[in-house]
């Protein structure tokens, strides 16, 4: 792909959705409890071979992000948390 250092990517670990009728819903992952060996195994299950034939760096980044998110979905699936409007105000 490149002879440069790897490019760091930022994954959307916390996703917020619309507030519906005074209820705020947040999706997040419990990344503190990820077992490194399980994440490694989940990453090894992904198809990385398609990267070897890619010449478009944007396409390569898309495949990397897709594979990492799929591995995270397996070892640290997104969890839904509900908050009332009163709980979220400072």
PDB file of N, CA and C in Angstrom:
ATOM      1  N   UNK A   1       0.811  -1.179   0.000  1.00  0.00           N
ATOM      2  CA  UNK A   1       0.000   0.000   0.000  1.00  0.00           C
ATOM      3  C   UNK A   1       0.860   1.251   0.000  1.00  0.00           C
ATOM      4  N   UNK A   2       1.789   1.372   0.944  1.00  0.00           N
ATOM      5  CA  UNK A   2       2.586   2.586   1.038  1.00  0.00           C
ATOM      6  C   UNK A   2       3.863   2.286   1.808  1.00  0.00           C
ATOM      7  N   UNK A   3       4.876   3.100   1.569  1.00  0.00           N
ATOM      8  CA  UNK A   3       6.112   2.948   2.322  1.00  0.00           C
ATOM      9  C   UNK A   3       6.151   3.932   3.496  1.00  0.00           C
ATOM     10  N   UNK A   4       5.018   4.589   3.769  1.00  0.00           N
ATOM     11  CA  UNK A   4       4.928   5.548   4.860  1.00  0.00           C
ATOM     12  C   UNK A   4       4.426   4.853   6.122  1.00  0.00           C
ATOM     13  N   UNK A   5       4.549   5.568   7.244  1.00  0.00           N
ATOM     14  CA  UNK A   5       4.022   5.038   8.492  1.00  0.00           C
ATOM     15  C   UNK A   5       2.509   4.870   8.388  1.00  0.00           C
ATOM     16  N   UNK A   6       1.948   3.971   9.170  1.00  0.00           N
ATOM     17  CA  UNK A   6       0.501   3.757   9.110  1.00  0.00           C
ATOM     18  C   UNK A   6      -0.267   5.025   9.468  1.00  0.00           C
ATOM     19  N   UNK A   7      -1.442   5.131   8.923  1.00  0.00           N
ATOM     20  CA  UNK A   7      -2.320   6.252   9.222  1.00  0.00           C
ATOM     21  C   UNK A   7      -3.250   5.802  10.337  1.00  0.00           C
ATOM     22  N   UNK A   8      -3.342   6.592  11.383  1.00  0.00           N
ATOM     23  CA  UNK A   8      -4.225   6.270  12.493  1.00  0.00           C
ATOM     24  C   UNK A   8      -5.640   6.688  12.114  1.00  0.00           C
ATOM     25  N   UNK A   9      -6.595   5.862  12.482  1.00  0.00           N
ATOM     26  CA  UNK A   9      -7.987   6.177  12.194  1.00  0.00           C
ATOM     27  C   UNK A   9      -8.752   6.332  13.498  1.00  0.00           C
ATOM     28  N   UNK A  10      -9.802   7.101  13.440  1.00  0.00           N
ATOM     29  CA  UNK A  10     -10.659   7.282  14.605  1.00  0.00           C
ATOM     30  C   UNK A  10     -11.967   6.559  14.335  1.00  0.00           C
ATOM     31  N   UNK A  11     -12.296   5.618  15.213  1.00  0.00           N
ATOM     32  CA  UNK A  11     -13.545   4.880  15.078  1.00  0.00           C
ATOM     33  C   UNK A  11     -14.621   5.561  15.905  1.00  0.00           C
ATOM     34  N   UNK A  12     -15.834   5.573  15.392  1.00  0.00           N
ATOM     35  CA  UNK A  12     -16.956   6.110  16.139  1.00  0.00           C
ATOM     36  C   UNK A  12     -17.369   5.079  17.181  1.00  0.00           C
ATOM     37  N   UNK A  13     -16.757   5.157  18.350  1.00  0.00           N
ATOM     38  CA  UNK A  13     -17.049   4.213  19.421  1.00  0.00           C
ATOM     39  C   UNK A  13     -18.379   4.575  20.086  1.00  0.00           C
ATOM     40  N   UNK A  14     -18.625   5.872  20.237  1.00  0.00           N
ATOM     41  CA  UNK A  14     -19.866   6.318  20.854  1.00  0.00           C
ATOM     42  C   UNK A  14     -20.701   7.016  19.785  1.00  0.00           C
ATOM     43  N   UNK A  15     -21.888   6.510  19.571  1.00  0.00           N
ATOM     44  CA  UNK A  15     -22.789   7.108  18.594  1.00  0.00           C
ATOM     45  C   UNK A  15     -24.021   7.612  19.318  1.00  0.00           C
ATOM     46  N   UNK A  16     -24.420   8.829  19.010  1.00  0.00           N
ATOM     47  CA  UNK A  16     -25.609   9.406  19.620  1.00  0.00           C
ATOM     48  C   UNK A  16     -26.734   9.418  18.598  1.00  0.00           C
ATOM     49  N   UNK A  17     -27.946   9.241  19.071  1.00  0.00           N
ATOM     50  CA  UNK A  17     -29.111   9.286  18.199  1.00  0.00           C
ATOM     51  C   UNK A  17     -30.003  10.450  18.602  1.00  0.00           C
ATOM     52  N   UNK A  18     -31.082  10.610  17.884  1.00  0.00           N
ATOM     53  CA  UNK A  18     -32.023  11.701  18.139  1.00  0.00           C
ATOM     54  C   UNK A  18     -32.677  11.550  19.506  1.00  0.00           C
ATOM     55  N   UNK A  19     -32.990  12.674  20.089  1.00  0.00           N
ATOM     56  CA  UNK A  19     -33.750  12.666  21.336  1.00  0.00           C
ATOM     57  C   UNK A  19     -35.218  12.516  20.974  1.00  0.00           C
ATOM     58  N   UNK A  20     -35.837  11.486  21.513  1.00  0.00           N
ATOM     59  CA  UNK A  20     -37.250  11.261  21.230  1.00  0.00           C
ATOM     60  C   UNK A  20     -38.027  11.343  22.530  1.00  0.00           C
ATOM     61  N   UNK A  21     -38.955  12.236  22.565  1.00  0.00           N
ATOM     62  CA  UNK A  21     -39.845  12.446  23.705  1.00  0.00           C
ATOM     63  C   UNK A  21     -39.104  12.416  25.043  1.00  0.00           C
ATOM     64  N   UNK A  22     -38.193  13.328  25.197  1.00  0.00           N
ATOM     65  CA  UNK A  22     -37.439  13.512  26.442  1.00  0.00           C
ATOM     66  C   UNK A  22     -36.542  12.331  26.806  1.00  0.00           C
ATOM     67  N   UNK A  23     -36.279  11.440  25.874  1.00  0.00           N
ATOM     68  CA  UNK A  23     -35.428  10.287  26.149  1.00  0.00           C
ATOM     69  C   UNK A  23     -34.218  10.347  25.229  1.00  0.00           C
ATOM     70  N   UNK A  24     -33.046  10.303  25.816  1.00  0.00           N
ATOM     71  CA  UNK A  24     -31.813  10.344  25.040  1.00  0.00           C
ATOM     72  C   UNK A  24     -31.234   8.937  24.999  1.00  0.00           C
ATOM     73  N   UNK A  25     -30.884   8.478  23.803  1.00  0.00           N
ATOM     74  CA  UNK A  25     -30.340   7.135  23.625  1.00  0.00           C
ATOM     75  C   UNK A  25     -28.907   7.261  23.132  1.00  0.00           C
ATOM     76  N   UNK A  26     -27.984   6.585  23.801  1.00  0.00           N
ATOM     77  CA  UNK A  26     -26.568   6.603  23.423  1.00  0.00           C
ATOM     78  C   UNK A  26     -26.109   5.169  23.219  1.00  0.00           C
ATOM     79  N   UNK A  27     -25.385   4.952  22.123  1.00  0.00           N
ATOM     80  CA  UNK A  27     -24.787   3.647  21.852  1.00  0.00           C
ATOM     81  C   UNK A  27     -23.301   3.733  22.169  1.00  0.00           C
ATOM     82  N   UNK A  28     -22.797   2.779  22.936  1.00  0.00           N
ATOM     83  CA  UNK A  28     -21.365   2.781  23.256  1.00  0.00           C
ATOM     84  C   UNK A  28     -20.893   1.334  23.430  1.00  0.00           C
ATOM     85  N   UNK A  29     -19.587   1.180  23.442  1.00  0.00           N
ATOM     86  CA  UNK A  29     -18.964  -0.139  23.638  1.00  0.00           C
ATOM     87  C   UNK A  29     -18.195  -0.125  24.950  1.00  0.00           C
ATOM     88  N   UNK A  30     -18.192  -1.245  25.632  1.00  0.00           N
ATOM     89  CA  UNK A  30     -17.410  -1.374  26.862  1.00  0.00           C
ATOM     90  C   UNK A  30     -16.013  -1.860  26.479  1.00  0.00           C
ATOM     91  N   UNK A  31     -15.187  -0.927  26.014  1.00  0.00           N
ATOM     92  CA  UNK A  31     -13.861  -1.314  25.509  1.00  0.00           C
ATOM     93  C   UNK A  31     -12.876  -1.631  26.630  1.00  0.00           C
ATOM     94  N   UNK A  32     -13.208  -1.244  27.869  1.00  0.00           N
ATOM     95  CA  UNK A  32     -12.326  -1.553  28.993  1.00  0.00           C
ATOM     96  C   UNK A  32     -12.279  -3.049  29.289  1.00  0.00           C
ATOM     97  N   UNK A  33     -13.324  -3.762  28.904  1.00  0.00           N
ATOM     98  CA  UNK A  33     -13.398  -5.202  29.223  1.00  0.00           C
ATOM     99  C   UNK A  33     -13.019  -6.093  28.046  1.00  0.00           C
ATOM    100  N   UNK A  34     -12.486  -5.515  26.991  1.00  0.00           N
ATOM    101  CA  UNK A  34     -12.079  -6.320  25.836  1.00  0.00           C
ATOM    102  C   UNK A  34     -10.870  -7.165  26.224  1.00  0.00           C
ATOM    103  N   UNK A  35     -10.951  -8.444  25.935  1.00  0.00           N
ATOM    104  CA  UNK A  35      -9.821  -9.345  26.147  1.00  0.00           C
ATOM    105  C   UNK A  35      -8.980  -9.294  24.872  1.00  0.00           C
ATOM    106  N   UNK A  36      -7.730  -8.903  25.013  1.00  0.00           N
ATOM    107  CA  UNK A  36      -6.863  -8.681  23.858  1.00  0.00           C
ATOM    108  C   UNK A  36      -6.787  -9.904  22.950  1.00  0.00           C
ATOM    109  N   UNK A  37      -6.683 -11.066  23.525  1.00  0.00           N
ATOM    110  CA  UNK A  37      -6.576 -12.284  22.710  1.00  0.00           C
ATOM    111  C   UNK A  37      -7.864 -12.535  21.912  1.00  0.00           C
ATOM    112  N   UNK A  38      -9.015 -12.193  22.485  1.00  0.00           N
ATOM    113  CA  UNK A  38     -10.277 -12.361  21.761  1.00  0.00           C
ATOM    114  C   UNK A  38     -10.386 -11.366  20.609  1.00  0.00           C
ATOM    115  N   UNK A  39      -9.933 -10.136  20.831  1.00  0.00           N
ATOM    116  CA  UNK A  39      -9.938  -9.147  19.756  1.00  0.00           C
ATOM    117  C   UNK A  39      -8.973  -9.574  18.652  1.00  0.00           C
ATOM    118  N   UNK A  40      -7.824 -10.093  19.035  1.00  0.00           N
ATOM    119  CA  UNK A  40      -6.852 -10.576  18.052  1.00  0.00           C
ATOM    120  C   UNK A  40      -7.471 -11.687  17.202  1.00  0.00           C
ATOM    121  N   UNK A  41      -8.138 -12.640  17.855  1.00  0.00           N
ATOM    122  CA  UNK A  41      -8.787 -13.733  17.127  1.00  0.00           C
ATOM    123  C   UNK A  41      -9.877 -13.216  16.192  1.00  0.00           C
ATOM    124  N   UNK A  42     -10.663 -12.250  16.667  1.00  0.00           N
ATOM    125  CA  UNK A  42     -11.736 -11.683  15.844  1.00  0.00           C
ATOM    126  C   UNK A  42     -11.157 -10.944  14.637  1.00  0.00           C
ATOM    127  N   UNK A  43     -10.034 -10.263  14.821  1.00  0.00           N
ATOM    128  CA  UNK A  43      -9.385  -9.571  13.700  1.00  0.00           C
ATOM    129  C   UNK A  43      -8.815 -10.568  12.701  1.00  0.00           C
ATOM    130  N   UNK A  44      -8.293 -11.688  13.199  1.00  0.00           N
ATOM    131  CA  UNK A  44      -7.745 -12.710  12.309  1.00  0.00           C
ATOM    132  C   UNK A  44      -8.829 -13.384  11.470  1.00  0.00           C
ATOM    133  N   UNK A  45     -10.065 -13.369  11.936  1.00  0.00           N
ATOM    134  CA  UNK A  45     -11.170 -13.966  11.190  1.00  0.00           C
ATOM    135  C   UNK A  45     -11.609 -13.104  10.001  1.00  0.00           C
ATOM    136  N   UNK A  46     -11.202 -11.860   9.983  1.00  0.00           N
ATOM    137  CA  UNK A  46     -11.615 -10.941   8.919  1.00  0.00           C
ATOM    138  C   UNK A  46     -10.786 -11.180   7.653  1.00  0.00           C
ATOM    139  N   UNK A  47     -11.340 -10.764   6.522  1.00  0.00           N
ATOM    140  CA  UNK A  47     -10.653 -10.912   5.237  1.00  0.00           C
ATOM    141  C   UNK A  47      -9.740  -9.717   5.000  1.00  0.00           C
ATOM    142  N   UNK A  48      -8.449  -9.911   5.174  1.00  0.00           N
ATOM    143  CA  UNK A  48      -7.460  -8.857   4.962  1.00  0.00           C
ATOM    144  C   UNK A  48      -6.764  -8.999   3.611  1.00  0.00           C
ATOM    145  N   UNK A  49      -6.946 -10.136   2.938  1.00  0.00           N
ATOM    146  CA  UNK A  49      -6.227 -10.403   1.689  1.00  0.00           C
ATOM    147  C   UNK A  49      -6.621  -9.459   0.562  1.00  0.00           C
ATOM    148  N   UNK A  50      -7.845  -8.941   0.600  1.00  0.00           N
ATOM    149  CA  UNK A  50      -8.264  -8.017  -0.457  1.00  0.00           C
ATOM    150  C   UNK A  50      -7.444  -6.730  -0.446  1.00  0.00           C
ATOM    151  N   UNK A  51      -6.801  -6.422   0.659  1.00  0.00           N
ATOM    152  CA  UNK A  51      -5.974  -5.209   0.740  1.00  0.00           C
ATOM    153  C   UNK A  51      -4.755  -5.276  -0.173  1.00  0.00           C
ATOM    154  N   UNK A  52      -4.242  -6.483  -0.407  1.00  0.00           N
ATOM    155  CA  UNK A  52      -3.027  -6.633  -1.207  1.00  0.00           C
ATOM    156  C   UNK A  52      -3.188  -6.151  -2.646  1.00  0.00           C
ATOM    157  N   UNK A  53      -4.394  -6.274  -3.194  1.00  0.00           N
ATOM    158  CA  UNK A  53      -4.628  -5.901  -4.582  1.00  0.00           C
ATOM    159  C   UNK A  53      -5.153  -4.476  -4.746  1.00  0.00           C
ATOM    160  N   UNK A  54      -5.372  -3.783  -3.662  1.00  0.00           N
ATOM    161  CA  UNK A  54      -5.955  -2.443  -3.748  1.00  0.00           C
ATOM    162  C   UNK A  54      -4.904  -1.395  -4.061  1.00  0.00           C
ATOM    163  N   UNK A  55      -5.299  -0.464  -4.901  1.00  0.00           N
ATOM    164  CA  UNK A  55      -4.414   0.663  -5.221  1.00  0.00           C
ATOM    165  C   UNK A  55      -4.999   1.980  -4.723  1.00  0.00           C
ATOM    166  N   UNK A  56      -6.288   1.976  -4.401  1.00  0.00           N
ATOM    167  CA  UNK A  56      -6.951   3.185  -3.909  1.00  0.00           C
ATOM    168  C   UNK A  56      -6.868   3.209  -2.385  1.00  0.00           C
ATOM    169  N   UNK A  57      -6.142   4.181  -1.809  1.00  0.00           N
ATOM    170  CA  UNK A  57      -6.001   4.217  -0.349  1.00  0.00           C
ATOM    171  C   UNK A  57      -7.330   4.415   0.377  1.00  0.00           C
ATOM    172  N   UNK A  58      -8.261   5.138  -0.223  1.00  0.00           N
ATOM    173  CA  UNK A  58      -9.564   5.340   0.417  1.00  0.00           C
ATOM    174  C   UNK A  58     -10.328   4.022   0.527  1.00  0.00           C
ATOM    175  N   UNK A  59     -10.235   3.217  -0.499  1.00  0.00           N
ATOM    176  CA  UNK A  59     -10.879   1.906  -0.476  1.00  0.00           C
ATOM    177  C   UNK A  59     -10.223   1.011   0.576  1.00  0.00           C
ATOM    178  N   UNK A  60      -8.903   1.098   0.673  1.00  0.00           N
ATOM    179  CA  UNK A  60      -8.180   0.298   1.661  1.00  0.00           C
ATOM    180  C   UNK A  60      -8.583   0.694   3.081  1.00  0.00           C
ATOM    181  N   UNK A  61      -8.699   1.992   3.335  1.00  0.00           N
ATOM    182  CA  UNK A  61      -9.117   2.457   4.659  1.00  0.00           C
ATOM    183  C   UNK A  61     -10.530   1.979   4.962  1.00  0.00           C
ATOM    184  N   UNK A  62     -11.401   1.995   3.968  1.00  0.00           N
ATOM    185  CA  UNK A  62     -12.774   1.521   4.170  1.00  0.00           C
ATOM    186  C   UNK A  62     -12.794   0.051   4.573  1.00  0.00           C
ATOM    187  N   UNK A  63     -11.960  -0.765   3.934  1.00  0.00           N
ATOM    188  CA  UNK A  63     -11.889  -2.191   4.272  1.00  0.00           C
ATOM    189  C   UNK A  63     -11.334  -2.369   5.681  1.00  0.00           C
ATOM    190  N   UNK A  64     -10.314  -1.612   6.036  1.00  0.00           N
ATOM    191  CA  UNK A  64      -9.730  -1.714   7.374  1.00  0.00           C
ATOM    192  C   UNK A  64     -10.761  -1.337   8.430  1.00  0.00           C
ATOM    193  N   UNK A  65     -11.458  -0.227   8.224  1.00  0.00           N
ATOM    194  CA  UNK A  65     -12.469   0.212   9.185  1.00  0.00           C
ATOM    195  C   UNK A  65     -13.579  -0.839   9.300  1.00  0.00           C
ATOM    196  N   UNK A  66     -14.036  -1.367   8.165  1.00  0.00           N
ATOM    197  CA  UNK A  66     -15.090  -2.385   8.165  1.00  0.00           C
ATOM    198  C   UNK A  66     -14.654  -3.615   8.959  1.00  0.00           C
ATOM    199  N   UNK A  67     -13.422  -4.051   8.760  1.00  0.00           N
ATOM    200  CA  UNK A  67     -12.910  -5.236   9.466  1.00  0.00           C
ATOM    201  C   UNK A  67     -12.757  -4.991  10.966  1.00  0.00           C
ATOM    202  N   UNK A  68     -12.261  -3.822  11.331  1.00  0.00           N
ATOM    203  CA  UNK A  68     -12.080  -3.514  12.749  1.00  0.00           C
ATOM    204  C   UNK A  68     -13.436  -3.394  13.442  1.00  0.00           C
ATOM    205  N   UNK A  69     -14.393  -2.737  12.805  1.00  0.00           N
ATOM    206  CA  UNK A  69     -15.730  -2.608  13.390  1.00  0.00           C
ATOM    207  C   UNK A  69     -16.390  -3.979  13.524  1.00  0.00           C
ATOM    208  N   UNK A  70     -16.233  -4.839  12.527  1.00  0.00           N
ATOM    209  CA  UNK A  70     -16.808  -6.186  12.607  1.00  0.00           C
ATOM    210  C   UNK A  70     -16.190  -6.967  13.774  1.00  0.00           C
ATOM    211  N   UNK A  71     -14.888  -6.833  13.971  1.00  0.00           N
ATOM    212  CA  UNK A  71     -14.225  -7.509  15.090  1.00  0.00           C
ATOM    213  C   UNK A  71     -14.715  -6.938  16.422  1.00  0.00           C
ATOM    214  N   UNK A  72     -14.840  -5.619  16.499  1.00  0.00           N
ATOM    215  CA  UNK A  72     -15.345  -5.000  17.721  1.00  0.00           C
ATOM    216  C   UNK A  72     -16.786  -5.413  18.002  1.00  0.00           C
ATOM    217  N   UNK A  73     -17.593  -5.527  16.957  1.00  0.00           N
ATOM    218  CA  UNK A  73     -18.978  -5.968  17.136  1.00  0.00           C
ATOM    219  C   UNK A  73     -19.038  -7.345  17.782  1.00  0.00           C
ATOM    220  N   UNK A  74     -18.037  -8.160  17.495  1.00  0.00           N
ATOM    221  CA  UNK A  74     -18.018  -9.520  18.047  1.00  0.00           C
ATOM    222  C   UNK A  74     -17.577  -9.527  19.514  1.00  0.00           C
ATOM    223  N   UNK A  75     -16.514  -8.793  19.840  1.00  0.00           N
ATOM    224  CA  UNK A  75     -15.950  -8.862  21.199  1.00  0.00           C
ATOM    225  C   UNK A  75     -16.487  -7.784  22.141  1.00  0.00           C
ATOM    226  N   UNK A  76     -16.989  -6.694  21.591  1.00  0.00           N
ATOM    227  CA  UNK A  76     -17.553  -5.613  22.412  1.00  0.00           C
ATOM    228  C   UNK A  76     -18.730  -4.992  21.668  1.00  0.00           C
ATOM    229  N   UNK A  77     -19.846  -5.728  21.596  1.00  0.00           N
ATOM    230  CA  UNK A  77     -20.983  -5.216  20.836  1.00  0.00           C
ATOM    231  C   UNK A  77     -21.507  -3.904  21.409  1.00  0.00           C
ATOM    232  N   UNK A  78     -22.059  -3.061  20.539  1.00  0.00           N
ATOM    233  CA  UNK A  78     -22.606  -1.787  21.023  1.00  0.00           C
ATOM    234  C   UNK A  78     -23.737  -2.033  22.023  1.00  0.00           C
ATOM    235  N   UNK A  79     -23.761  -1.227  23.063  1.00  0.00           N
ATOM    236  CA  UNK A  79     -24.804  -1.314  24.076  1.00  0.00           C
ATOM    237  C   UNK A  79     -25.624  -0.029  24.031  1.00  0.00           C
ATOM    238  N   UNK A  80     -26.900  -0.151  24.318  1.00  0.00           N
ATOM    239  CA  UNK A  80     -27.801   1.001  24.320  1.00  0.00           C
ATOM    240  C   UNK A  80     -28.010   1.473  25.746  1.00  0.00           C
ATOM    241  N   UNK A  81     -27.858   2.778  25.950  1.00  0.00           N
ATOM    242  CA  UNK A  81     -28.118   3.389  27.252  1.00  0.00           C
ATOM    243  C   UNK A  81     -29.166   4.472  27.058  1.00  0.00           C
ATOM    244  N   UNK A  82     -30.174   4.476  27.910  1.00  0.00           N
ATOM    245  CA  UNK A  82     -31.267   5.445  27.840  1.00  0.00           C
ATOM    246  C   UNK A  82     -31.129   6.432  29.005  1.00  0.00           C
ATOM    247  N   UNK A  83     -31.286   7.708  28.694  1.00  0.00           N
ATOM    248  CA  UNK A  83     -31.228   8.750  29.711  1.00  0.00           C
ATOM    249  C   UNK A  83     -32.426   9.670  29.539  1.00  0.00           C
ATOM    250  N   UNK A  84     -32.986  10.105  30.663  1.00  0.00           N
ATOM    251  CA  UNK A  84     -34.052  11.096  30.561  1.00  0.00           C
ATOM    252  C   UNK A  84     -33.412  12.457  30.338  1.00  0.00           C
ATOM    253  N   UNK A  85     -34.177  13.394  29.831  1.00  0.00           N
ATOM    254  CA  UNK A  85     -33.645  14.739  29.570  1.00  0.00           C
ATOM    255  C   UNK A  85     -33.120  15.369  30.845  1.00  0.00           C
ATOM    256  N   UNK A  86     -33.727  15.078  31.987  1.00  0.00           N
ATOM    257  CA  UNK A  86     -33.289  15.627  33.255  1.00  0.00           C
ATOM    258  C   UNK A  86     -31.908  15.114  33.648  1.00  0.00           C
ATOM    259  N   UNK A  87     -31.593  13.843  33.370  1.00  0.00           N
ATOM    260  CA  UNK A  87     -30.310  13.257  33.728  1.00  0.00           C
ATOM    261  C   UNK A  87     -29.171  13.827  32.916  1.00  0.00           C
ATOM    262  N   UNK A  88     -29.426  14.314  31.705  1.00  0.00           N
ATOM    263  CA  UNK A  88     -28.359  14.763  30.824  1.00  0.00           C
ATOM    264  C   UNK A  88     -28.068  16.248  30.949  1.00  0.00           C
ATOM    265  N   UNK A  89     -28.906  17.006  31.672  1.00  0.00           N
ATOM    266  CA  UNK A  89     -28.670  18.440  31.806  1.00  0.00           C
ATOM    267  C   UNK A  89     -27.673  18.702  32.914  1.00  0.00           C
ATOM    268  N   UNK A  90     -26.779  19.665  32.664  1.00  0.00           N
ATOM    269  CA  UNK A  90     -25.764  19.995  33.674  1.00  0.00           C
ATOM    270  C   UNK A  90     -26.226  21.125  34.560  1.00  0.00           C
TER     271      UNK A  90
END
